[in-house]
């Protein structure tokens, strides 16, 4: 294992373990900020974990992702403030704890949980991260409806598509698209925060799959589409295209170094991405180079 791979394993373990650790910190929860995107559709932000989408109306309330377990009461309060009924359906865009940490609470409260097949598998089984083992989730936290490619909700006057294109961030990434209202929730296939993309190779993530998925979504949407990233403020097609171009350029540089016969450590030491001006974030340039390299293994 290279020096950077060790760092990534430790950092990833810290992120994925955050949900149970956050449960010990009930008194220090971030405020939820709500942004209504269209009648009956909103996004909930905290700045700490994954962005949550909400569809609400006469038929049911659907929640997209649920952050950490201690946030569940605040999430319920934010949803109630919209005039919505309690969550009946919950969708997990992928298995990471900052998107599924509230599953047990909402499952026990009666919500039906939906996700890609691989999300249930990963939540059901121990996951190894460096020297840390993340235990399986309780039954109440597991998706009870899973799918290999996708499914649709016909609710609240909209067609809500849950789409799987092969993942990229992990092996279980769903993209959620509201057809009539032209809104898409990208999950962690798209980060609009400082730092580089997070490709969780240990969870089946692959940068080449991520690029293909981004390409397909870009072809589906238009200049009026409202884009919800997995982390960060609202976005649009132009910014998503720029993100995809950045990923592609990074991959090309790493591939060129590999073709020249350089090792991973030599490629990291070459500082190939220093001109990208991505700022400091959870994943740095070394981590992204490592993920690109390992995606080609």
C-alpha atoms as a PDB file:
ATOM      1  CA  UNK A   1       0.000   0.000   0.000  1.00  0.00           C
ATOM      2  CA  UNK A   2       1.396   3.411  -0.960  1.00  0.00           C
ATOM      3  CA  UNK A   3       1.688   6.255   1.528  1.00  0.00           C
ATOM      4  CA  UNK A   4      -1.285   7.998  -0.094  1.00  0.00           C
ATOM      5  CA  UNK A   5      -3.412   4.863  -0.113  1.00  0.00           C
ATOM      6  CA  UNK A   6      -2.884   4.598   3.633  1.00  0.00           C
ATOM      7  CA  UNK A   7      -3.984   8.203   4.105  1.00  0.00           C
ATOM      8  CA  UNK A   8      -7.091   7.674   1.969  1.00  0.00           C
ATOM      9  CA  UNK A   9      -8.039   4.544   3.893  1.00  0.00           C
ATOM     10  CA  UNK A  10      -7.823   6.417   7.184  1.00  0.00           C
ATOM     11  CA  UNK A  11      -9.738   9.446   5.885  1.00  0.00           C
ATOM     12  CA  UNK A  12     -12.462   7.311   4.340  1.00  0.00           C
ATOM     13  CA  UNK A  13     -12.864   5.318   7.518  1.00  0.00           C
ATOM     14  CA  UNK A  14     -13.318   8.559   9.416  1.00  0.00           C
ATOM     15  CA  UNK A  15     -16.073   9.695   7.062  1.00  0.00           C
ATOM     16  CA  UNK A  16     -17.944   6.407   6.966  1.00  0.00           C
ATOM     17  CA  UNK A  17     -17.738   6.003  10.714  1.00  0.00           C
ATOM     18  CA  UNK A  18     -19.070   9.497  11.285  1.00  0.00           C
ATOM     19  CA  UNK A  19     -22.708   8.475  11.662  1.00  0.00           C
ATOM     20  CA  UNK A  20     -22.273   6.360  14.811  1.00  0.00           C
ATOM     21  CA  UNK A  21     -19.755   8.816  16.232  1.00  0.00           C
ATOM     22  CA  UNK A  22     -22.115  11.726  15.620  1.00  0.00           C
ATOM     23  CA  UNK A  23     -24.701  10.003  17.759  1.00  0.00           C
ATOM     24  CA  UNK A  24     -22.508  10.811  20.748  1.00  0.00           C
ATOM     25  CA  UNK A  25     -22.671  14.546  19.963  1.00  0.00           C
ATOM     26  CA  UNK A  26     -26.354  15.399  20.317  1.00  0.00           C
ATOM     27  CA  UNK A  27     -25.727  18.952  21.483  1.00  0.00           C
ATOM     28  CA  UNK A  28     -23.730  20.215  18.519  1.00  0.00           C
ATOM     29  CA  UNK A  29     -25.978  19.821  15.501  1.00  0.00           C
ATOM     30  CA  UNK A  30     -25.838  22.182  12.519  1.00  0.00           C
ATOM     31  CA  UNK A  31     -28.842  24.208  11.481  1.00  0.00           C
ATOM     32  CA  UNK A  32     -30.842  22.959   8.513  1.00  0.00           C
ATOM     33  CA  UNK A  33     -31.349  25.451   5.711  1.00  0.00           C
ATOM     34  CA  UNK A  34     -34.295  24.813   3.388  1.00  0.00           C
ATOM     35  CA  UNK A  35     -34.506  25.947  -0.222  1.00  0.00           C
ATOM     36  CA  UNK A  36     -37.748  25.378  -2.134  1.00  0.00           C
ATOM     37  CA  UNK A  37     -36.908  24.542  -5.756  1.00  0.00           C
ATOM     38  CA  UNK A  38     -40.434  24.114  -7.143  1.00  0.00           C
ATOM     39  CA  UNK A  39     -43.920  23.605  -5.691  1.00  0.00           C
ATOM     40  CA  UNK A  40     -43.624  20.425  -3.635  1.00  0.00           C
ATOM     41  CA  UNK A  41     -39.855  20.013  -4.037  1.00  0.00           C
ATOM     42  CA  UNK A  42     -37.168  21.278  -1.661  1.00  0.00           C
ATOM     43  CA  UNK A  43     -33.558  20.684  -0.739  1.00  0.00           C
ATOM     44  CA  UNK A  44     -32.259  20.613   2.835  1.00  0.00           C
ATOM     45  CA  UNK A  45     -28.677  21.746   3.525  1.00  0.00           C
ATOM     46  CA  UNK A  46     -26.574  21.528   6.673  1.00  0.00           C
ATOM     47  CA  UNK A  47     -23.043  21.940   5.319  1.00  0.00           C
ATOM     48  CA  UNK A  48     -21.910  18.951   7.362  1.00  0.00           C
ATOM     49  CA  UNK A  49     -23.221  15.990   5.384  1.00  0.00           C
ATOM     50  CA  UNK A  50     -25.044  15.081   2.199  1.00  0.00           C
ATOM     51  CA  UNK A  51     -27.724  17.321   0.716  1.00  0.00           C
ATOM     52  CA  UNK A  52     -31.267  16.007   1.143  1.00  0.00           C
ATOM     53  CA  UNK A  53     -34.062  16.272  -1.390  1.00  0.00           C
ATOM     54  CA  UNK A  54     -37.735  16.331  -0.412  1.00  0.00           C
ATOM     55  CA  UNK A  55     -40.798  15.682  -2.571  1.00  0.00           C
ATOM     56  CA  UNK A  56     -44.051  16.466  -0.788  1.00  0.00           C
ATOM     57  CA  UNK A  57     -47.700  16.949  -1.648  1.00  0.00           C
ATOM     58  CA  UNK A  58     -51.069  15.272  -1.642  1.00  0.00           C
ATOM     59  CA  UNK A  59     -49.728  11.748  -2.202  1.00  0.00           C
ATOM     60  CA  UNK A  60     -46.748  11.279   0.117  1.00  0.00           C
ATOM     61  CA  UNK A  61     -43.470  12.716   1.373  1.00  0.00           C
ATOM     62  CA  UNK A  62     -40.302  11.296  -0.158  1.00  0.00           C
ATOM     63  CA  UNK A  63     -36.914  12.037   1.413  1.00  0.00           C
ATOM     64  CA  UNK A  64     -33.693  11.647  -0.575  1.00  0.00           C
ATOM     65  CA  UNK A  65     -30.885  10.751   1.874  1.00  0.00           C
ATOM     66  CA  UNK A  66     -30.999  11.378   5.627  1.00  0.00           C
ATOM     67  CA  UNK A  67     -27.546  12.414   6.906  1.00  0.00           C
ATOM     68  CA  UNK A  68     -26.528  11.358  10.435  1.00  0.00           C
ATOM     69  CA  UNK A  69     -28.760   9.712  13.032  1.00  0.00           C
ATOM     70  CA  UNK A  70     -28.816  12.653  15.506  1.00  0.00           C
ATOM     71  CA  UNK A  71     -30.098  14.925  12.729  1.00  0.00           C
ATOM     72  CA  UNK A  72     -33.343  12.966  12.283  1.00  0.00           C
ATOM     73  CA  UNK A  73     -35.532  15.114  14.593  1.00  0.00           C
ATOM     74  CA  UNK A  74     -34.273  18.318  12.953  1.00  0.00           C
ATOM     75  CA  UNK A  75     -34.895  16.825   9.511  1.00  0.00           C
ATOM     76  CA  UNK A  76     -38.442  15.930  10.523  1.00  0.00           C
ATOM     77  CA  UNK A  77     -38.989  19.459  11.828  1.00  0.00           C
ATOM     78  CA  UNK A  78     -37.698  20.997   8.586  1.00  0.00           C
ATOM     79  CA  UNK A  79     -40.022  18.765   6.575  1.00  0.00           C
ATOM     80  CA  UNK A  80     -42.988  19.640   8.793  1.00  0.00           C
ATOM     81  CA  UNK A  81     -42.196  23.341   8.315  1.00  0.00           C
ATOM     82  CA  UNK A  82     -42.802  22.812   4.600  1.00  0.00           C
ATOM     83  CA  UNK A  83     -46.337  21.714   5.435  1.00  0.00           C
ATOM     84  CA  UNK A  84     -45.471  18.149   4.478  1.00  0.00           C
ATOM     85  CA  UNK A  85     -46.628  14.919   6.082  1.00  0.00           C
ATOM     86  CA  UNK A  86     -44.121  12.588   7.807  1.00  0.00           C
ATOM     87  CA  UNK A  87     -41.693  10.733   5.557  1.00  0.00           C
ATOM     88  CA  UNK A  88     -43.333   7.739   3.923  1.00  0.00           C
ATOM     89  CA  UNK A  89     -40.614   6.874   1.396  1.00  0.00           C
ATOM     90  CA  UNK A  90     -36.846   7.248   1.845  1.00  0.00           C
ATOM     91  CA  UNK A  91     -34.305   6.928  -0.976  1.00  0.00           C
ATOM     92  CA  UNK A  92     -30.593   6.348  -0.357  1.00  0.00           C
ATOM     93  CA  UNK A  93     -28.383   7.612  -3.187  1.00  0.00           C
ATOM     94  CA  UNK A  94     -25.569   5.362  -1.888  1.00  0.00           C
ATOM     95  CA  UNK A  95     -24.474   3.609   1.302  1.00  0.00           C
ATOM     96  CA  UNK A  96     -22.143   6.099   3.030  1.00  0.00           C
ATOM     97  CA  UNK A  97     -23.047   7.037   6.590  1.00  0.00           C
ATOM     98  CA  UNK A  98     -23.501  10.751   5.917  1.00  0.00           C
ATOM     99  CA  UNK A  99     -26.366   9.818   3.576  1.00  0.00           C
ATOM    100  CA  UNK A 100     -27.847   6.811   5.406  1.00  0.00           C
ATOM    101  CA  UNK A 101     -27.205   7.578   9.079  1.00  0.00           C
ATOM    102  CA  UNK A 102     -30.876   8.357   9.728  1.00  0.00           C
ATOM    103  CA  UNK A 103     -32.164   5.159   8.123  1.00  0.00           C
ATOM    104  CA  UNK A 104     -32.838   3.349  11.375  1.00  0.00           C
ATOM    105  CA  UNK A 105     -34.867   6.254  12.767  1.00  0.00           C
ATOM    106  CA  UNK A 106     -36.978   6.695   9.657  1.00  0.00           C
ATOM    107  CA  UNK A 107     -37.345   2.949   9.159  1.00  0.00           C
ATOM    108  CA  UNK A 108     -38.605   2.545  12.712  1.00  0.00           C
ATOM    109  CA  UNK A 109     -40.985   5.459  12.103  1.00  0.00           C
ATOM    110  CA  UNK A 110     -42.606   3.598   9.229  1.00  0.00           C
ATOM    111  CA  UNK A 111     -40.779   4.860   6.140  1.00  0.00           C
ATOM    112  CA  UNK A 112     -40.100   2.404   3.329  1.00  0.00           C
ATOM    113  CA  UNK A 113     -36.448   2.611   2.268  1.00  0.00           C
ATOM    114  CA  UNK A 114     -35.431   2.340  -1.400  1.00  0.00           C
ATOM    115  CA  UNK A 115     -31.928   1.982  -2.876  1.00  0.00           C
ATOM    116  CA  UNK A 116     -29.835   0.176  -5.444  1.00  0.00           C
ATOM    117  CA  UNK A 117     -29.173  -3.510  -4.755  1.00  0.00           C
ATOM    118  CA  UNK A 118     -25.558  -2.832  -3.777  1.00  0.00           C
ATOM    119  CA  UNK A 119     -26.566  -0.346  -1.078  1.00  0.00           C
ATOM    120  CA  UNK A 120     -28.480  -3.010   0.821  1.00  0.00           C
ATOM    121  CA  UNK A 121     -25.582  -5.434   0.389  1.00  0.00           C
ATOM    122  CA  UNK A 122     -23.034  -2.979   1.789  1.00  0.00           C
ATOM    123  CA  UNK A 123     -25.254  -1.893   4.675  1.00  0.00           C
ATOM    124  CA  UNK A 124     -25.985  -5.548   5.498  1.00  0.00           C
ATOM    125  CA  UNK A 125     -22.369  -6.664   5.684  1.00  0.00           C
ATOM    126  CA  UNK A 126     -19.282  -5.490   7.604  1.00  0.00           C
ATOM    127  CA  UNK A 127     -17.215  -2.998   5.601  1.00  0.00           C
ATOM    128  CA  UNK A 128     -13.467  -2.800   6.139  1.00  0.00           C
ATOM    129  CA  UNK A 129     -11.811   0.631   6.066  1.00  0.00           C
ATOM    130  CA  UNK A 130      -8.121   0.459   6.822  1.00  0.00           C
ATOM    131  CA  UNK A 131      -7.870  -1.045  10.287  1.00  0.00           C
ATOM    132  CA  UNK A 132     -11.465  -0.182  11.152  1.00  0.00           C
ATOM    133  CA  UNK A 133     -14.452  -2.436  10.558  1.00  0.00           C
ATOM    134  CA  UNK A 134     -17.826  -0.766  10.084  1.00  0.00           C
ATOM    135  CA  UNK A 135     -20.445  -3.188  11.348  1.00  0.00           C
ATOM    136  CA  UNK A 136     -23.648  -4.106   9.534  1.00  0.00           C
ATOM    137  CA  UNK A 137     -26.657  -1.846   9.957  1.00  0.00           C
ATOM    138  CA  UNK A 138     -29.682  -3.015  11.951  1.00  0.00           C
ATOM    139  CA  UNK A 139     -32.628  -4.460  10.054  1.00  0.00           C
ATOM    140  CA  UNK A 140     -34.665  -1.265  10.435  1.00  0.00           C
ATOM    141  CA  UNK A 141     -31.962   0.703   8.588  1.00  0.00           C
ATOM    142  CA  UNK A 142     -31.829  -1.527   5.524  1.00  0.00           C
ATOM    143  CA  UNK A 143     -33.497  -0.749   2.201  1.00  0.00           C
ATOM    144  CA  UNK A 144     -36.512  -3.027   1.771  1.00  0.00           C
ATOM    145  CA  UNK A 145     -37.090  -2.201  -1.899  1.00  0.00           C
ATOM    146  CA  UNK A 146     -34.011  -2.484  -4.113  1.00  0.00           C
ATOM    147  CA  UNK A 147     -33.450  -2.397  -7.834  1.00  0.00           C
ATOM    148  CA  UNK A 148     -30.676  -3.318 -10.288  1.00  0.00           C
ATOM    149  CA  UNK A 149     -31.163  -0.418 -12.704  1.00  0.00           C
ATOM    150  CA  UNK A 150     -33.879   1.926 -11.514  1.00  0.00           C
ATOM    151  CA  UNK A 151     -37.544   2.549 -10.798  1.00  0.00           C
ATOM    152  CA  UNK A 152     -40.164   5.305 -10.838  1.00  0.00           C
ATOM    153  CA  UNK A 153     -42.482   7.046  -8.401  1.00  0.00           C
ATOM    154  CA  UNK A 154     -45.634   8.620  -9.823  1.00  0.00           C
ATOM    155  CA  UNK A 155     -46.435  10.915  -6.918  1.00  0.00           C
ATOM    156  CA  UNK A 156     -47.192  14.535  -6.091  1.00  0.00           C
ATOM    157  CA  UNK A 157     -47.867  15.423  -9.708  1.00  0.00           C
ATOM    158  CA  UNK A 158     -44.430  14.398 -10.909  1.00  0.00           C
ATOM    159  CA  UNK A 159     -42.556  11.415 -12.285  1.00  0.00           C
ATOM    160  CA  UNK A 160     -39.556  10.758 -10.069  1.00  0.00           C
ATOM    161  CA  UNK A 161     -36.948   8.508 -11.651  1.00  0.00           C
ATOM    162  CA  UNK A 162     -34.389   6.598  -9.595  1.00  0.00           C
ATOM    163  CA  UNK A 163     -31.627   5.823 -12.083  1.00  0.00           C
ATOM    164  CA  UNK A 164     -28.525   3.644 -11.865  1.00  0.00           C
ATOM    165  CA  UNK A 165     -25.897   3.928 -14.596  1.00  0.00           C
ATOM    166  CA  UNK A 166     -23.132   1.802 -13.106  1.00  0.00           C
ATOM    167  CA  UNK A 167     -22.126   3.974 -10.194  1.00  0.00           C
ATOM    168  CA  UNK A 168     -18.814   5.765  -9.992  1.00  0.00           C
ATOM    169  CA  UNK A 169     -18.577   7.273  -6.520  1.00  0.00           C
ATOM    170  CA  UNK A 170     -19.467   3.793  -5.201  1.00  0.00           C
ATOM    171  CA  UNK A 171     -21.015   0.745  -6.871  1.00  0.00           C
ATOM    172  CA  UNK A 172     -24.529   1.721  -5.765  1.00  0.00           C
ATOM    173  CA  UNK A 173     -25.060   5.342  -6.828  1.00  0.00           C
ATOM    174  CA  UNK A 174     -28.598   6.375  -7.720  1.00  0.00           C
ATOM    175  CA  UNK A 175     -29.403   9.628  -9.489  1.00  0.00           C
ATOM    176  CA  UNK A 176     -32.877  11.049  -8.781  1.00  0.00           C
ATOM    177  CA  UNK A 177     -34.623  13.001 -11.548  1.00  0.00           C
ATOM    178  CA  UNK A 178     -37.933  14.854 -11.307  1.00  0.00           C
ATOM    179  CA  UNK A 179     -39.129  14.831 -14.933  1.00  0.00           C
ATOM    180  CA  UNK A 180     -41.856  17.450 -14.901  1.00  0.00           C
ATOM    181  CA  UNK A 181     -40.023  19.872 -12.626  1.00  0.00           C
ATOM    182  CA  UNK A 182     -36.620  19.336 -14.288  1.00  0.00           C
ATOM    183  CA  UNK A 183     -34.613  18.792 -11.107  1.00  0.00           C
ATOM    184  CA  UNK A 184     -31.860  16.237 -10.582  1.00  0.00           C
ATOM    185  CA  UNK A 185     -30.218  15.029  -7.342  1.00  0.00           C
ATOM    186  CA  UNK A 186     -26.741  13.731  -8.164  1.00  0.00           C
ATOM    187  CA  UNK A 187     -25.766  12.178  -4.843  1.00  0.00           C
ATOM    188  CA  UNK A 188     -22.000  12.123  -4.395  1.00  0.00           C
ATOM    189  CA  UNK A 189     -21.319  11.682  -8.089  1.00  0.00           C
ATOM    190  CA  UNK A 190     -21.026  15.477  -7.978  1.00  0.00           C
ATOM    191  CA  UNK A 191     -19.274  17.499  -5.266  1.00  0.00           C
ATOM    192  CA  UNK A 192     -19.616  21.288  -5.388  1.00  0.00           C
ATOM    193  CA  UNK A 193     -17.215  21.908  -2.528  1.00  0.00           C
ATOM    194  CA  UNK A 194     -13.460  22.554  -2.259  1.00  0.00           C
ATOM    195  CA  UNK A 195     -11.250  19.586  -2.970  1.00  0.00           C
ATOM    196  CA  UNK A 196     -11.372  16.840  -5.555  1.00  0.00           C
ATOM    197  CA  UNK A 197     -14.008  14.193  -6.335  1.00  0.00           C
ATOM    198  CA  UNK A 198     -14.328  11.265  -3.944  1.00  0.00           C
ATOM    199  CA  UNK A 199     -14.069   7.971  -5.810  1.00  0.00           C
ATOM    200  CA  UNK A 200     -14.485   5.262  -3.169  1.00  0.00           C
ATOM    201  CA  UNK A 201     -12.656   2.451  -4.927  1.00  0.00           C
ATOM    202  CA  UNK A 202     -12.987   0.209  -1.864  1.00  0.00           C
ATOM    203  CA  UNK A 203     -16.773   0.469  -2.271  1.00  0.00           C
ATOM    204  CA  UNK A 204     -16.712  -0.372  -5.962  1.00  0.00           C
ATOM    205  CA  UNK A 205     -16.277   3.217  -7.099  1.00  0.00           C
ATOM    206  CA  UNK A 206     -14.487   3.830 -10.373  1.00  0.00           C
ATOM    207  CA  UNK A 207     -13.630   7.120 -12.046  1.00  0.00           C
ATOM    208  CA  UNK A 208     -14.376   5.751 -15.516  1.00  0.00           C
ATOM    209  CA  UNK A 209     -17.871   4.712 -14.444  1.00  0.00           C
ATOM    210  CA  UNK A 210     -18.281   8.133 -12.843  1.00  0.00           C
ATOM    211  CA  UNK A 211     -17.401   9.876 -16.107  1.00  0.00           C
ATOM    212  CA  UNK A 212     -19.857   7.728 -18.063  1.00  0.00           C
ATOM    213  CA  UNK A 213     -22.610   8.473 -15.568  1.00  0.00           C
ATOM    214  CA  UNK A 214     -21.874  12.200 -15.666  1.00  0.00           C
ATOM    215  CA  UNK A 215     -21.963  12.110 -19.473  1.00  0.00           C
ATOM    216  CA  UNK A 216     -25.378  10.419 -19.469  1.00  0.00           C
ATOM    217  CA  UNK A 217     -26.846  12.896 -17.001  1.00  0.00           C
ATOM    218  CA  UNK A 218     -25.464  15.859 -18.937  1.00  0.00           C
ATOM    219  CA  UNK A 219     -27.165  14.515 -22.072  1.00  0.00           C
ATOM    220  CA  UNK A 220     -30.474  14.184 -20.198  1.00  0.00           C
ATOM    221  CA  UNK A 221     -30.656  17.665 -18.709  1.00  0.00           C
ATOM    222  CA  UNK A 222     -30.816  21.178 -20.155  1.00  0.00           C
ATOM    223  CA  UNK A 223     -29.803  24.708 -19.253  1.00  0.00           C
ATOM    224  CA  UNK A 224     -32.895  25.117 -17.064  1.00  0.00           C
ATOM    225  CA  UNK A 225     -32.288  21.997 -14.963  1.00  0.00           C
ATOM    226  CA  UNK A 226     -31.735  22.581 -11.261  1.00  0.00           C
ATOM    227  CA  UNK A 227     -28.878  20.355 -10.121  1.00  0.00           C
ATOM    228  CA  UNK A 228     -28.592  19.218  -6.491  1.00  0.00           C
ATOM    229  CA  UNK A 229     -25.007  18.088  -5.777  1.00  0.00           C
ATOM    230  CA  UNK A 230     -24.232  15.572  -3.069  1.00  0.00           C
ATOM    231  CA  UNK A 231     -22.414  18.312  -1.160  1.00  0.00           C
ATOM    232  CA  UNK A 232     -22.386  22.063  -1.652  1.00  0.00           C
ATOM    233  CA  UNK A 233     -24.845  24.686  -2.948  1.00  0.00           C
ATOM    234  CA  UNK A 234     -27.258  24.328  -5.852  1.00  0.00           C
ATOM    235  CA  UNK A 235     -25.796  24.012  -9.314  1.00  0.00           C
ATOM    236  CA  UNK A 236     -26.689  23.843 -13.000  1.00  0.00           C
ATOM    237  CA  UNK A 237     -25.765  22.096 -16.233  1.00  0.00           C
ATOM    238  CA  UNK A 238     -22.872  24.427 -17.099  1.00  0.00           C
ATOM    239  CA  UNK A 239     -21.200  23.835 -13.740  1.00  0.00           C
ATOM    240  CA  UNK A 240     -21.764  20.083 -14.016  1.00  0.00           C
ATOM    241  CA  UNK A 241     -20.155  20.126 -17.465  1.00  0.00           C
ATOM    242  CA  UNK A 242     -17.164  22.008 -16.053  1.00  0.00           C
ATOM    243  CA  UNK A 243     -16.868  19.436 -13.261  1.00  0.00           C
ATOM    244  CA  UNK A 244     -16.945  16.598 -15.805  1.00  0.00           C
ATOM    245  CA  UNK A 245     -14.274  18.332 -17.893  1.00  0.00           C
ATOM    246  CA  UNK A 246     -12.069  18.712 -14.813  1.00  0.00           C
ATOM    247  CA  UNK A 247     -12.401  15.004 -14.026  1.00  0.00           C
ATOM    248  CA  UNK A 248     -11.587  14.062 -17.605  1.00  0.00           C
ATOM    249  CA  UNK A 249      -8.502  16.274 -17.719  1.00  0.00           C
ATOM    250  CA  UNK A 250      -7.225  14.820 -14.443  1.00  0.00           C
ATOM    251  CA  UNK A 251      -7.724  11.283 -15.742  1.00  0.00           C
ATOM    252  CA  UNK A 252      -5.871  12.107 -18.969  1.00  0.00           C
ATOM    253  CA  UNK A 253      -2.864  13.445 -17.049  1.00  0.00           C
ATOM    254  CA  UNK A 254      -2.665  10.414 -14.767  1.00  0.00           C
ATOM    255  CA  UNK A 255      -3.054   8.032 -17.711  1.00  0.00           C
ATOM    256  CA  UNK A 256      -0.230   9.798 -19.564  1.00  0.00           C
ATOM    257  CA  UNK A 257       2.073   9.460 -16.563  1.00  0.00           C
ATOM    258  CA  UNK A 258       1.249   5.779 -16.250  1.00  0.00           C
ATOM    259  CA  UNK A 259       1.882   5.185 -19.950  1.00  0.00           C
ATOM    260  CA  UNK A 260       5.306   6.803 -19.538  1.00  0.00           C
ATOM    261  CA  UNK A 261       6.158   4.048 -17.061  1.00  0.00           C
ATOM    262  CA  UNK A 262       5.910   6.074 -13.876  1.00  0.00           C
ATOM    263  CA  UNK A 263       4.756   4.491 -10.623  1.00  0.00           C
ATOM    264  CA  UNK A 264       1.861   5.784  -8.547  1.00  0.00           C
ATOM    265  CA  UNK A 265       4.221   7.514  -6.121  1.00  0.00           C
ATOM    266  CA  UNK A 266       6.138   9.111  -8.992  1.00  0.00           C
ATOM    267  CA  UNK A 267       2.855  10.300 -10.490  1.00  0.00           C
ATOM    268  CA  UNK A 268       1.812  11.808  -7.162  1.00  0.00           C
ATOM    269  CA  UNK A 269       5.199  13.491  -6.749  1.00  0.00           C
ATOM    270  CA  UNK A 270       4.846  15.068 -10.210  1.00  0.00           C
ATOM    271  CA  UNK A 271       2.053  17.303  -8.811  1.00  0.00           C
ATOM    272  CA  UNK A 272       0.027  16.937 -12.007  1.00  0.00           C
ATOM    273  CA  UNK A 273      -3.109  18.580 -10.631  1.00  0.00           C
ATOM    274  CA  UNK A 274      -1.594  21.570  -8.836  1.00  0.00           C
ATOM    275  CA  UNK A 275      -2.989  24.033 -11.392  1.00  0.00           C
ATOM    276  CA  UNK A 276      -6.601  22.935 -10.878  1.00  0.00           C
ATOM    277  CA  UNK A 277      -7.172  25.409  -8.017  1.00  0.00           C
ATOM    278  CA  UNK A 278      -9.680  23.179  -6.231  1.00  0.00           C
ATOM    279  CA  UNK A 279      -8.865  24.443  -2.750  1.00  0.00           C
ATOM    280  CA  UNK A 280      -8.564  22.288   0.359  1.00  0.00           C
ATOM    281  CA  UNK A 281     -11.204  19.644   0.942  1.00  0.00           C
ATOM    282  CA  UNK A 282     -11.827  16.109   2.132  1.00  0.00           C
ATOM    283  CA  UNK A 283     -10.096  14.656  -0.934  1.00  0.00           C
ATOM    284  CA  UNK A 284      -6.842  16.310  -1.965  1.00  0.00           C
ATOM    285  CA  UNK A 285      -4.991  15.993  -5.265  1.00  0.00           C
ATOM    286  CA  UNK A 286      -2.941  13.032  -4.037  1.00  0.00           C
ATOM    287  CA  UNK A 287      -6.089  11.184  -3.055  1.00  0.00           C
ATOM    288  CA  UNK A 288      -7.761  11.815  -6.394  1.00  0.00           C
ATOM    289  CA  UNK A 289      -4.671  10.739  -8.341  1.00  0.00           C
ATOM    290  CA  UNK A 290      -4.627   7.538  -6.282  1.00  0.00           C
ATOM    291  CA  UNK A 291      -8.304   6.878  -7.005  1.00  0.00           C
ATOM    292  CA  UNK A 292      -7.781   7.421 -10.731  1.00  0.00           C
ATOM    293  CA  UNK A 293      -4.784   5.095 -10.689  1.00  0.00           C
ATOM    294  CA  UNK A 294      -6.641   2.385  -8.801  1.00  0.00           C
ATOM    295  CA  UNK A 295      -9.672   2.699 -11.074  1.00  0.00           C
ATOM    296  CA  UNK A 296      -7.504   1.424 -13.915  1.00  0.00           C
ATOM    297  CA  UNK A 297      -6.216  -1.601 -12.012  1.00  0.00           C
END
